[in-house]
């Protein structure tokens, strides 16, 4: 992995291009910049409820 300068549409897209295979399945939180992952990958955005985090 690598550090990124921030979580923006551009940094997410560039990171995914370098590190993820096309069509990879990804789960993330609902941060809007992560929506870019759905352009070339199977992206599922989820809200993690505090009471379910340890399950």
C-alpha atoms as a PDB file:
ATOM      1  CA  UNK A   1       0.000   0.000   0.000  1.00  0.00           C
ATOM      2  CA  UNK A   2       0.987   3.624  -0.067  1.00  0.00           C
ATOM      3  CA  UNK A   3       0.196   6.954   1.503  1.00  0.00           C
ATOM      4  CA  UNK A   4      -1.943   9.337  -0.518  1.00  0.00           C
ATOM      5  CA  UNK A   5      -2.075  13.106  -0.195  1.00  0.00           C
ATOM      6  CA  UNK A   6      -5.803  13.044   0.542  1.00  0.00           C
ATOM      7  CA  UNK A   7      -8.978  11.158  -0.289  1.00  0.00           C
ATOM      8  CA  UNK A   8     -10.308  12.829  -3.405  1.00  0.00           C
ATOM      9  CA  UNK A   9     -11.915  11.497  -6.569  1.00  0.00           C
ATOM     10  CA  UNK A  10      -8.544  11.789  -8.333  1.00  0.00           C
ATOM     11  CA  UNK A  11      -6.428  10.126  -5.645  1.00  0.00           C
ATOM     12  CA  UNK A  12      -8.936   7.272  -5.290  1.00  0.00           C
ATOM     13  CA  UNK A  13      -9.090   6.706  -9.053  1.00  0.00           C
ATOM     14  CA  UNK A  14      -5.287   6.792  -9.389  1.00  0.00           C
ATOM     15  CA  UNK A  15      -4.766   4.489  -6.383  1.00  0.00           C
ATOM     16  CA  UNK A  16      -7.293   1.974  -7.721  1.00  0.00           C
ATOM     17  CA  UNK A  17      -5.661   2.040 -11.147  1.00  0.00           C
ATOM     18  CA  UNK A  18      -2.276   1.149  -9.635  1.00  0.00           C
ATOM     19  CA  UNK A  19      -3.374  -1.395  -7.038  1.00  0.00           C
ATOM     20  CA  UNK A  20      -6.677  -3.047  -7.997  1.00  0.00           C
ATOM     21  CA  UNK A  21      -7.480  -5.383 -10.862  1.00  0.00           C
ATOM     22  CA  UNK A  22     -10.306  -4.414 -13.188  1.00  0.00           C
ATOM     23  CA  UNK A  23     -13.612  -5.702 -11.881  1.00  0.00           C
ATOM     24  CA  UNK A  24     -12.313  -6.278  -8.342  1.00  0.00           C
ATOM     25  CA  UNK A  25     -14.936  -6.343  -5.605  1.00  0.00           C
ATOM     26  CA  UNK A  26     -14.524  -3.577  -3.040  1.00  0.00           C
ATOM     27  CA  UNK A  27     -16.438  -2.679   0.110  1.00  0.00           C
ATOM     28  CA  UNK A  28     -15.944   0.748   1.596  1.00  0.00           C
ATOM     29  CA  UNK A  29     -17.682   3.337   3.682  1.00  0.00           C
ATOM     30  CA  UNK A  30     -19.885   5.951   2.031  1.00  0.00           C
ATOM     31  CA  UNK A  31     -17.239   8.659   1.616  1.00  0.00           C
ATOM     32  CA  UNK A  32     -18.259  10.354  -1.671  1.00  0.00           C
ATOM     33  CA  UNK A  33     -14.755  10.253  -3.183  1.00  0.00           C
ATOM     34  CA  UNK A  34     -14.860   6.447  -3.006  1.00  0.00           C
ATOM     35  CA  UNK A  35     -17.736   6.376  -5.505  1.00  0.00           C
ATOM     36  CA  UNK A  36     -15.029   6.499  -8.193  1.00  0.00           C
ATOM     37  CA  UNK A  37     -14.307   2.871  -7.362  1.00  0.00           C
ATOM     38  CA  UNK A  38     -17.554   1.909  -9.083  1.00  0.00           C
ATOM     39  CA  UNK A  39     -16.284   3.125 -12.453  1.00  0.00           C
ATOM     40  CA  UNK A  40     -14.176   0.018 -13.133  1.00  0.00           C
ATOM     41  CA  UNK A  41     -14.789  -2.184 -10.103  1.00  0.00           C
ATOM     42  CA  UNK A  42     -17.702  -3.743  -8.245  1.00  0.00           C
ATOM     43  CA  UNK A  43     -18.108  -1.248  -5.402  1.00  0.00           C
ATOM     44  CA  UNK A  44     -20.410  -1.670  -2.422  1.00  0.00           C
ATOM     45  CA  UNK A  45     -20.607   1.352  -0.121  1.00  0.00           C
ATOM     46  CA  UNK A  46     -21.764   0.459   3.399  1.00  0.00           C
ATOM     47  CA  UNK A  47     -22.508   2.349   6.565  1.00  0.00           C
ATOM     48  CA  UNK A  48     -20.873   0.572   9.504  1.00  0.00           C
ATOM     49  CA  UNK A  49     -23.139   0.803  12.523  1.00  0.00           C
ATOM     50  CA  UNK A  50     -21.165   1.222  15.740  1.00  0.00           C
ATOM     51  CA  UNK A  51     -22.936  -1.684  17.433  1.00  0.00           C
ATOM     52  CA  UNK A  52     -22.011  -4.045  14.555  1.00  0.00           C
ATOM     53  CA  UNK A  53     -18.303  -3.137  14.144  1.00  0.00           C
ATOM     54  CA  UNK A  54     -16.961  -6.034  16.227  1.00  0.00           C
ATOM     55  CA  UNK A  55     -19.049  -8.720  14.495  1.00  0.00           C
END
